[in-house]
Amino acid sequence: MFYLQSTRTRLGMVEQARMMREHHLETERIQVAMKHLASVSDPKLRDRVLAQSALRILTPNGAEPVSRPADDLALGPDAESPRSSGEASG
């Protein structure tokens, strides 16, 4: 009985250590991203990237974010949104 309990305890400690390591690595990645983000001089672009980063961090694994950051940033801060085929050009 003691052997079984010690094995369960050891396995629980291994899982806890794995979770702590993942949390530490995630925190480290966020800190590096924030450091790089602070170097963006355009305040509007920086705010957009911050908002998208927050959405990515807060979105559960496997769920799609509201919009993909690559799509938003590819347009650039001054670009117009693409028109749908139903809109009249003019």
PDB file of N, CA and C in Angstrom:
ATOM      1  N   MET A   1       0.831  -1.186   0.000  1.00  0.00           N
ATOM      2  CA  MET A   1       0.000   0.000   0.000  1.00  0.00           C
ATOM      3  C   MET A   1       0.881   1.257   0.000  1.00  0.00           C
ATOM      4  N   PHE A   2       1.928   1.232   0.802  1.00  0.00           N
ATOM      5  CA  PHE A   2       2.833   2.380   0.842  1.00  0.00           C
ATOM      6  C   PHE A   2       3.470   2.624  -0.522  1.00  0.00           C
ATOM      7  N   TYR A   3       3.862   1.561  -1.224  1.00  0.00           N
ATOM      8  CA  TYR A   3       4.479   1.692  -2.554  1.00  0.00           C
ATOM      9  C   TYR A   3       3.516   2.348  -3.530  1.00  0.00           C
ATOM     10  N   LEU A   4       2.258   1.914  -3.527  1.00  0.00           N
ATOM     11  CA  LEU A   4       1.248   2.477  -4.429  1.00  0.00           C
ATOM     12  C   LEU A   4       1.041   3.967  -4.145  1.00  0.00           C
ATOM     13  N   GLN A   5       0.949   4.324  -2.894  1.00  0.00           N
ATOM     14  CA  GLN A   5       0.751   5.735  -2.527  1.00  0.00           C
ATOM     15  C   GLN A   5       1.956   6.581  -2.920  1.00  0.00           C
ATOM     16  N   SER A   6       3.173   6.069  -2.718  1.00  0.00           N
ATOM     17  CA  SER A   6       4.359   6.848  -3.064  1.00  0.00           C
ATOM     18  C   SER A   6       4.478   7.014  -4.579  1.00  0.00           C
ATOM     19  N   THR A   7       4.066   6.007  -5.336  1.00  0.00           N
ATOM     20  CA  THR A   7       4.091   6.105  -6.807  1.00  0.00           C
ATOM     21  C   THR A   7       3.102   7.169  -7.269  1.00  0.00           C
ATOM     22  N   ARG A   8       1.914   7.175  -6.697  1.00  0.00           N
ATOM     23  CA  ARG A   8       0.916   8.198  -7.067  1.00  0.00           C
ATOM     24  C   ARG A   8       1.416   9.593  -6.714  1.00  0.00           C
ATOM     25  N   THR A   9       2.017   9.713  -5.557  1.00  0.00           N
ATOM     26  CA  THR A   9       2.549  11.017  -5.132  1.00  0.00           C
ATOM     27  C   THR A   9       3.653  11.481  -6.074  1.00  0.00           C
ATOM     28  N   ARG A  10       4.538  10.573  -6.439  1.00  0.00           N
ATOM     29  CA  ARG A  10       5.638  10.923  -7.349  1.00  0.00           C
ATOM     30  C   ARG A  10       5.094  11.359  -8.705  1.00  0.00           C
ATOM     31  N   LEU A  11       4.119  10.620  -9.229  1.00  0.00           N
ATOM     32  CA  LEU A  11       3.525  10.981 -10.517  1.00  0.00           C
ATOM     33  C   LEU A  11       2.830  12.345 -10.439  1.00  0.00           C
ATOM     34  N   GLY A  12       2.180  12.613  -9.321  1.00  0.00           N
ATOM     35  CA  GLY A  12       1.547  13.916  -9.132  1.00  0.00           C
ATOM     36  C   GLY A  12       2.573  15.042  -9.097  1.00  0.00           C
ATOM     37  N   MET A  13       3.710  14.784  -8.471  1.00  0.00           N
ATOM     38  CA  MET A  13       4.775  15.793  -8.410  1.00  0.00           C
ATOM     39  C   MET A  13       5.383  16.034  -9.792  1.00  0.00           C
ATOM     40  N   VAL A  14       5.520  14.981 -10.580  1.00  0.00           N
ATOM     41  CA  VAL A  14       6.041  15.119 -11.944  1.00  0.00           C
ATOM     42  C   VAL A  14       5.096  15.982 -12.777  1.00  0.00           C
ATOM     43  N   GLU A  15       3.799  15.725 -12.664  1.00  0.00           N
ATOM     44  CA  GLU A  15       2.806  16.508 -13.407  1.00  0.00           C
ATOM     45  C   GLU A  15       2.820  17.965 -12.954  1.00  0.00           C
ATOM     46  N   GLN A  16       2.920  18.199 -11.656  1.00  0.00           N
ATOM     47  CA  GLN A  16       2.971  19.559 -11.130  1.00  0.00           C
ATOM     48  C   GLN A  16       4.209  20.288 -11.638  1.00  0.00           C
ATOM     49  N   ALA A  17       5.344  19.615 -11.664  1.00  0.00           N
ATOM     50  CA  ALA A  17       6.575  20.229 -12.165  1.00  0.00           C
ATOM     51  C   ALA A  17       6.452  20.567 -13.642  1.00  0.00           C
ATOM     52  N   ARG A  18       5.816  19.689 -14.419  1.00  0.00           N
ATOM     53  CA  ARG A  18       5.612  19.943 -15.847  1.00  0.00           C
ATOM     54  C   ARG A  18       4.737  21.184 -16.052  1.00  0.00           C
ATOM     55  N   MET A  19       3.668  21.282 -15.278  1.00  0.00           N
ATOM     56  CA  MET A  19       2.767  22.423 -15.402  1.00  0.00           C
ATOM     57  C   MET A  19       3.476  23.727 -15.006  1.00  0.00           C
ATOM     58  N   MET A  20       4.283  23.676 -13.956  1.00  0.00           N
ATOM     59  CA  MET A  20       5.016  24.870 -13.532  1.00  0.00           C
ATOM     60  C   MET A  20       6.017  25.300 -14.607  1.00  0.00           C
ATOM     61  N   ARG A  21       6.672  24.341 -15.244  1.00  0.00           N
ATOM     62  CA  ARG A  21       7.634  24.658 -16.300  1.00  0.00           C
ATOM     63  C   ARG A  21       6.923  25.298 -17.494  1.00  0.00           C
ATOM     64  N   GLU A  22       5.782  24.734 -17.901  1.00  0.00           N
ATOM     65  CA  GLU A  22       5.014  25.312 -19.007  1.00  0.00           C
ATOM     66  C   GLU A  22       4.585  26.739 -18.678  1.00  0.00           C
ATOM     67  N   HIS A  23       4.141  26.955 -17.459  1.00  0.00           N
ATOM     68  CA  HIS A  23       3.716  28.294 -17.044  1.00  0.00           C
ATOM     69  C   HIS A  23       4.896  29.269 -17.085  1.00  0.00           C
ATOM     70  N   HIS A  24       6.045  28.817 -16.612  1.00  0.00           N
ATOM     71  CA  HIS A  24       7.235  29.658 -16.625  1.00  0.00           C
ATOM     72  C   HIS A  24       7.632  30.015 -18.062  1.00  0.00           C
ATOM     73  N   LEU A  25       7.623  29.040 -18.967  1.00  0.00           N
ATOM     74  CA  LEU A  25       7.988  29.307 -20.363  1.00  0.00           C
ATOM     75  C   LEU A  25       6.995  30.254 -21.026  1.00  0.00           C
ATOM     76  N   GLU A  26       5.714  30.081 -20.732  1.00  0.00           N
ATOM     77  CA  GLU A  26       4.696  30.967 -21.293  1.00  0.00           C
ATOM     78  C   GLU A  26       4.892  32.396 -20.788  1.00  0.00           C
ATOM     79  N   THR A  27       5.155  32.551 -19.515  1.00  0.00           N
ATOM     80  CA  THR A  27       5.409  33.869 -18.940  1.00  0.00           C
ATOM     81  C   THR A  27       6.631  34.512 -19.567  1.00  0.00           C
ATOM     82  N   GLU A  28       7.658  33.720 -19.774  1.00  0.00           N
ATOM     83  CA  GLU A  28       8.887  34.226 -20.398  1.00  0.00           C
ATOM     84  C   GLU A  28       8.622  34.693 -21.827  1.00  0.00           C
ATOM     85  N   ARG A  29       7.842  33.919 -22.597  1.00  0.00           N
ATOM     86  CA  ARG A  29       7.505  34.307 -23.981  1.00  0.00           C
ATOM     87  C   ARG A  29       6.716  35.611 -24.001  1.00  0.00           C
ATOM     88  N   ILE A  30       5.781  35.759 -23.077  1.00  0.00           N
ATOM     89  CA  ILE A  30       4.976  36.985 -23.015  1.00  0.00           C
ATOM     90  C   ILE A  30       5.862  38.182 -22.678  1.00  0.00           C
ATOM     91  N   GLN A  31       6.799  38.011 -21.757  1.00  0.00           N
ATOM     92  CA  GLN A  31       7.697  39.108 -21.386  1.00  0.00           C
ATOM     93  C   GLN A  31       8.570  39.525 -22.563  1.00  0.00           C
ATOM     94  N   VAL A  32       9.073  38.569 -23.325  1.00  0.00           N
ATOM     95  CA  VAL A  32       9.896  38.889 -24.500  1.00  0.00           C
ATOM     96  C   VAL A  32       9.050  39.623 -25.539  1.00  0.00           C
ATOM     97  N   ALA A  33       7.827  39.148 -25.763  1.00  0.00           N
ATOM     98  CA  ALA A  33       6.943  39.803 -26.731  1.00  0.00           C
ATOM     99  C   ALA A  33       6.630  41.237 -26.302  1.00  0.00           C
ATOM    100  N   MET A  34       6.376  41.447 -25.026  1.00  0.00           N
ATOM    101  CA  MET A  34       6.072  42.789 -24.535  1.00  0.00           C
ATOM    102  C   MET A  34       7.280  43.708 -24.680  1.00  0.00           C
ATOM    103  N   LYS A  35       8.466  43.171 -24.464  1.00  0.00           N
ATOM    104  CA  LYS A  35       9.678  43.964 -24.616  1.00  0.00           C
ATOM    105  C   LYS A  35       9.839  44.429 -26.063  1.00  0.00           C
ATOM    106  N   HIS A  36       9.608  43.521 -27.006  1.00  0.00           N
ATOM    107  CA  HIS A  36       9.705  43.886 -28.419  1.00  0.00           C
ATOM    108  C   HIS A  36       8.581  44.842 -28.816  1.00  0.00           C
ATOM    109  N   LEU A  37       7.420  44.629 -28.262  1.00  0.00           N
ATOM    110  CA  LEU A  37       6.277  45.478 -28.579  1.00  0.00           C
ATOM    111  C   LEU A  37       6.501  46.915 -28.120  1.00  0.00           C
ATOM    112  N   ALA A  38       7.218  47.088 -27.036  1.00  0.00           N
ATOM    113  CA  ALA A  38       7.497  48.429 -26.523  1.00  0.00           C
ATOM    114  C   ALA A  38       8.335  49.241 -27.497  1.00  0.00           C
ATOM    115  N   SER A  39       9.031  48.573 -28.414  1.00  0.00           N
ATOM    116  CA  SER A  39       9.876  49.285 -29.367  1.00  0.00           C
ATOM    117  C   SER A  39       9.110  49.789 -30.589  1.00  0.00           C
ATOM    118  N   VAL A  40       7.820  49.438 -30.709  1.00  0.00           N
ATOM    119  CA  VAL A  40       7.010  49.912 -31.834  1.00  0.00           C
ATOM    120  C   VAL A  40       6.681  51.380 -31.598  1.00  0.00           C
ATOM    121  N   SER A  41       7.084  52.238 -32.538  1.00  0.00           N
ATOM    122  CA  SER A  41       6.925  53.675 -32.321  1.00  0.00           C
ATOM    123  C   SER A  41       5.522  54.198 -32.654  1.00  0.00           C
ATOM    124  N   ASP A  42       4.813  53.558 -33.571  1.00  0.00           N
ATOM    125  CA  ASP A  42       3.472  54.009 -33.959  1.00  0.00           C
ATOM    126  C   ASP A  42       2.471  53.580 -32.885  1.00  0.00           C
ATOM    127  N   PRO A  43       1.874  54.531 -32.162  1.00  0.00           N
ATOM    128  CA  PRO A  43       0.982  54.160 -31.060  1.00  0.00           C
ATOM    129  C   PRO A  43      -0.255  53.382 -31.515  1.00  0.00           C
ATOM    130  N   LYS A  44      -0.814  53.704 -32.680  1.00  0.00           N
ATOM    131  CA  LYS A  44      -2.005  52.983 -33.152  1.00  0.00           C
ATOM    132  C   LYS A  44      -1.666  51.532 -33.471  1.00  0.00           C
ATOM    133  N   LEU A  45      -0.548  51.337 -34.157  1.00  0.00           N
ATOM    134  CA  LEU A  45      -0.124  49.980 -34.486  1.00  0.00           C
ATOM    135  C   LEU A  45       0.198  49.198 -33.208  1.00  0.00           C
ATOM    136  N   ARG A  46       0.880  49.843 -32.271  1.00  0.00           N
ATOM    137  CA  ARG A  46       1.229  49.183 -31.013  1.00  0.00           C
ATOM    138  C   ARG A  46      -0.035  48.759 -30.263  1.00  0.00           C
ATOM    139  N   ASP A  47      -1.050  49.645 -30.230  1.00  0.00           N
ATOM    140  CA  ASP A  47      -2.295  49.318 -29.545  1.00  0.00           C
ATOM    141  C   ASP A  47      -3.018  48.142 -30.217  1.00  0.00           C
ATOM    142  N   ARG A  48      -2.999  48.123 -31.557  1.00  0.00           N
ATOM    143  CA  ARG A  48      -3.637  47.023 -32.284  1.00  0.00           C
ATOM    144  C   ARG A  48      -2.937  45.703 -31.994  1.00  0.00           C
ATOM    145  N   VAL A  49      -1.614  45.731 -32.001  1.00  0.00           N
ATOM    146  CA  VAL A  49      -0.855  44.510 -31.734  1.00  0.00           C
ATOM    147  C   VAL A  49      -1.060  44.063 -30.288  1.00  0.00           C
ATOM    148  N   LEU A  50      -1.102  45.003 -29.371  1.00  0.00           N
ATOM    149  CA  LEU A  50      -1.369  44.670 -27.962  1.00  0.00           C
ATOM    150  C   LEU A  50      -2.734  43.996 -27.806  1.00  0.00           C
ATOM    151  N   ALA A  51      -3.736  44.558 -28.467  1.00  0.00           N
ATOM    152  CA  ALA A  51      -5.083  43.993 -28.382  1.00  0.00           C
ATOM    153  C   ALA A  51      -5.119  42.585 -28.965  1.00  0.00           C
ATOM    154  N   GLN A  52      -4.493  42.390 -30.109  1.00  0.00           N
ATOM    155  CA  GLN A  52      -4.479  41.069 -30.723  1.00  0.00           C
ATOM    156  C   GLN A  52      -3.691  40.076 -29.868  1.00  0.00           C
ATOM    157  N   SER A  53      -2.607  40.540 -29.274  1.00  0.00           N
ATOM    158  CA  SER A  53      -1.815  39.666 -28.398  1.00  0.00           C
ATOM    159  C   SER A  53      -2.637  39.241 -27.189  1.00  0.00           C
ATOM    160  N   ALA A  54      -3.374  40.180 -26.621  1.00  0.00           N
ATOM    161  CA  ALA A  54      -4.225  39.856 -25.474  1.00  0.00           C
ATOM    162  C   ALA A  54      -5.281  38.823 -25.866  1.00  0.00           C
ATOM    163  N   LEU A  55      -5.863  38.978 -27.051  1.00  0.00           N
ATOM    164  CA  LEU A  55      -6.854  38.001 -27.507  1.00  0.00           C
ATOM    165  C   LEU A  55      -6.241  36.617 -27.658  1.00  0.00           C
ATOM    166  N   ARG A  56      -5.041  36.565 -28.206  1.00  0.00           N
ATOM    167  CA  ARG A  56      -4.374  35.265 -28.372  1.00  0.00           C
ATOM    168  C   ARG A  56      -4.072  34.626 -27.028  1.00  0.00           C
ATOM    169  N   ILE A  57      -3.646  35.418 -26.068  1.00  0.00           N
ATOM    170  CA  ILE A  57      -3.315  34.880 -24.747  1.00  0.00           C
ATOM    171  C   ILE A  57      -4.573  34.384 -24.046  1.00  0.00           C
ATOM    172  N   LEU A  58      -5.670  35.128 -24.181  1.00  0.00           N
ATOM    173  CA  LEU A  58      -6.895  34.811 -23.456  1.00  0.00           C
ATOM    174  C   LEU A  58      -7.791  33.797 -24.152  1.00  0.00           C
ATOM    175  N   THR A  59      -7.522  33.506 -25.435  1.00  0.00           N
ATOM    176  CA  THR A  59      -8.342  32.561 -26.177  1.00  0.00           C
ATOM    177  C   THR A  59      -7.946  31.139 -25.782  1.00  0.00           C
ATOM    178  N   PRO A  60      -8.899  30.316 -25.383  1.00  0.00           N
ATOM    179  CA  PRO A  60      -8.562  28.936 -25.010  1.00  0.00           C
ATOM    180  C   PRO A  60      -7.941  28.187 -26.188  1.00  0.00           C
ATOM    181  N   ASN A  61      -7.115  27.211 -25.884  1.00  0.00           N
ATOM    182  CA  ASN A  61      -6.477  26.413 -26.936  1.00  0.00           C
ATOM    183  C   ASN A  61      -7.529  25.794 -27.841  1.00  0.00           C
ATOM    184  N   GLY A  62      -7.284  25.883 -29.132  1.00  0.00           N
ATOM    185  CA  GLY A  62      -8.184  25.282 -30.099  1.00  0.00           C
ATOM    186  C   GLY A  62      -9.282  26.213 -30.572  1.00  0.00           C
ATOM    187  N   ALA A  63      -9.552  27.293 -29.865  1.00  0.00           N
ATOM    188  CA  ALA A  63     -10.597  28.229 -30.277  1.00  0.00           C
ATOM    189  C   ALA A  63     -10.002  29.262 -31.223  1.00  0.00           C
ATOM    190  N   GLU A  64     -10.780  29.688 -32.174  1.00  0.00           N
ATOM    191  CA  GLU A  64     -10.332  30.708 -33.118  1.00  0.00           C
ATOM    192  C   GLU A  64     -10.467  32.083 -32.475  1.00  0.00           C
ATOM    193  N   PRO A  65      -9.425  32.929 -32.572  1.00  0.00           N
ATOM    194  CA  PRO A  65      -9.572  34.300 -32.085  1.00  0.00           C
ATOM    195  C   PRO A  65     -10.582  35.054 -32.951  1.00  0.00           C
ATOM    196  N   VAL A  66     -11.029  36.193 -32.458  1.00  0.00           N
ATOM    197  CA  VAL A  66     -12.027  36.988 -33.171  1.00  0.00           C
ATOM    198  C   VAL A  66     -11.534  37.329 -34.574  1.00  0.00           C
ATOM    199  N   SER A  67     -10.321  37.783 -34.707  1.00  0.00           N
ATOM    200  CA  SER A  67      -9.703  38.018 -36.009  1.00  0.00           C
ATOM    201  C   SER A  67      -8.234  37.669 -35.888  1.00  0.00           C
ATOM    202  N   ARG A  68      -7.651  37.258 -36.993  1.00  0.00           N
ATOM    203  CA  ARG A  68      -6.252  36.854 -36.952  1.00  0.00           C
ATOM    204  C   ARG A  68      -5.373  38.089 -37.065  1.00  0.00           C
ATOM    205  N   PRO A  69      -4.353  38.243 -36.208  1.00  0.00           N
ATOM    206  CA  PRO A  69      -3.479  39.414 -36.240  1.00  0.00           C
ATOM    207  C   PRO A  69      -2.804  39.603 -37.589  1.00  0.00           C
ATOM    208  N   ALA A  70      -2.434  38.529 -38.268  1.00  0.00           N
ATOM    209  CA  ALA A  70      -1.758  38.652 -39.555  1.00  0.00           C
ATOM    210  C   ALA A  70      -2.652  39.359 -40.568  1.00  0.00           C
ATOM    211  N   ASP A  71      -3.961  39.081 -40.528  1.00  0.00           N
ATOM    212  CA  ASP A  71      -4.890  39.731 -41.450  1.00  0.00           C
ATOM    213  C   ASP A  71      -4.982  41.226 -41.173  1.00  0.00           C
ATOM    214  N   ASP A  72      -5.079  41.587 -39.900  1.00  0.00           N
ATOM    215  CA  ASP A  72      -5.205  42.995 -39.534  1.00  0.00           C
ATOM    216  C   ASP A  72      -3.934  43.771 -39.857  1.00  0.00           C
ATOM    217  N   LEU A  73      -2.785  43.197 -39.545  1.00  0.00           N
ATOM    218  CA  LEU A  73      -1.527  43.905 -39.729  1.00  0.00           C
ATOM    219  C   LEU A  73      -1.097  43.947 -41.185  1.00  0.00           C
ATOM    220  N   ALA A  74      -1.559  42.980 -41.999  1.00  0.00           N
ATOM    221  CA  ALA A  74      -1.173  42.955 -43.401  1.00  0.00           C
ATOM    222  C   ALA A  74      -1.739  44.166 -44.138  1.00  0.00           C
ATOM    223  N   LEU A  75      -2.872  44.678 -43.663  1.00  0.00           N
ATOM    224  CA  LEU A  75      -3.471  45.842 -44.298  1.00  0.00           C
ATOM    225  C   LEU A  75      -2.687  47.109 -44.005  1.00  0.00           C
ATOM    226  N   GLY A  76      -2.043  47.156 -42.879  1.00  0.00           N
ATOM    227  CA  GLY A  76      -1.327  48.361 -42.481  1.00  0.00           C
ATOM    228  C   GLY A  76      -2.272  49.313 -41.799  1.00  0.00           C
ATOM    229  N   PRO A  77      -1.740  50.272 -41.046  1.00  0.00           N
ATOM    230  CA  PRO A  77      -2.610  51.151 -40.266  1.00  0.00           C
ATOM    231  C   PRO A  77      -3.431  52.112 -41.111  1.00  0.00           C
ATOM    232  N   ASP A  78      -2.982  52.462 -42.327  1.00  0.00           N
ATOM    233  CA  ASP A  78      -3.703  53.438 -43.147  1.00  0.00           C
ATOM    234  C   ASP A  78      -4.465  52.814 -44.302  1.00  0.00           C
ATOM    235  N   ALA A  79      -4.379  51.501 -44.465  1.00  0.00           N
ATOM    236  CA  ALA A  79      -5.022  50.833 -45.591  1.00  0.00           C
ATOM    237  C   ALA A  79      -6.521  50.734 -45.355  1.00  0.00           C
ATOM    238  N   GLU A  80      -7.270  50.761 -46.462  1.00  0.00           N
ATOM    239  CA  GLU A  80      -8.714  50.591 -46.368  1.00  0.00           C
ATOM    240  C   GLU A  80      -9.030  49.112 -46.317  1.00  0.00           C
ATOM    241  N   SER A  81     -10.161  48.791 -45.723  1.00  0.00           N
ATOM    242  CA  SER A  81     -10.594  47.401 -45.711  1.00  0.00           C
ATOM    243  C   SER A  81     -11.009  47.015 -47.118  1.00  0.00           C
ATOM    244  N   PRO A  82     -10.777  45.760 -47.515  1.00  0.00           N
ATOM    245  CA  PRO A  82     -11.196  45.340 -48.851  1.00  0.00           C
ATOM    246  C   PRO A  82     -12.704  45.379 -48.973  1.00  0.00           C
ATOM    247  N   ARG A  83     -13.179  45.754 -50.133  1.00  0.00           N
ATOM    248  CA  ARG A  83     -14.627  45.837 -50.357  1.00  0.00           C
ATOM    249  C   ARG A  83     -15.159  44.477 -50.751  1.00  0.00           C
ATOM    250  N   SER A  84     -16.369  44.225 -50.360  1.00  0.00           N
ATOM    251  CA  SER A  84     -16.997  42.969 -50.782  1.00  0.00           C
ATOM    252  C   SER A  84     -17.488  43.137 -52.215  1.00  0.00           C
ATOM    253  N   SER A  85     -17.744  42.026 -52.893  1.00  0.00           N
ATOM    254  CA  SER A  85     -18.127  42.093 -54.301  1.00  0.00           C
ATOM    255  C   SER A  85     -19.481  42.759 -54.495  1.00  0.00           C
ATOM    256  N   GLY A  86     -20.281  42.878 -53.437  1.00  0.00           N
ATOM    257  CA  GLY A  86     -21.604  43.482 -53.554  1.00  0.00           C
ATOM    258  C   GLY A  86     -21.594  45.000 -53.458  1.00  0.00           C
ATOM    259  N   GLU A  87     -20.466  45.614 -53.064  1.00  0.00           N
ATOM    260  CA  GLU A  87     -20.414  47.061 -52.916  1.00  0.00           C
ATOM    261  C   GLU A  87     -20.131  47.723 -54.250  1.00  0.00           C
ATOM    262  N   ALA A  88     -20.720  48.869 -54.446  1.00  0.00           N
ATOM    263  CA  ALA A  88     -20.489  49.624 -55.675  1.00  0.00           C
ATOM    264  C   ALA A  88     -19.184  50.377 -55.552  1.00  0.00           C
ATOM    265  N   SER A  89     -18.396  50.373 -56.621  1.00  0.00           N
ATOM    266  CA  SER A  89     -17.133  51.129 -56.592  1.00  0.00           C
ATOM    267  C   SER A  89     -17.408  52.523 -57.095  1.00  0.00           C
ATOM    268  N   GLY A  90     -16.611  53.471 -56.604  1.00  0.00           N
ATOM    269  CA  GLY A  90     -16.902  54.802 -57.092  1.00  0.00           C
ATOM    270  C   GLY A  90     -16.147  55.785 -56.434  1.00  0.00           C
TER     271      GLY A  90
END
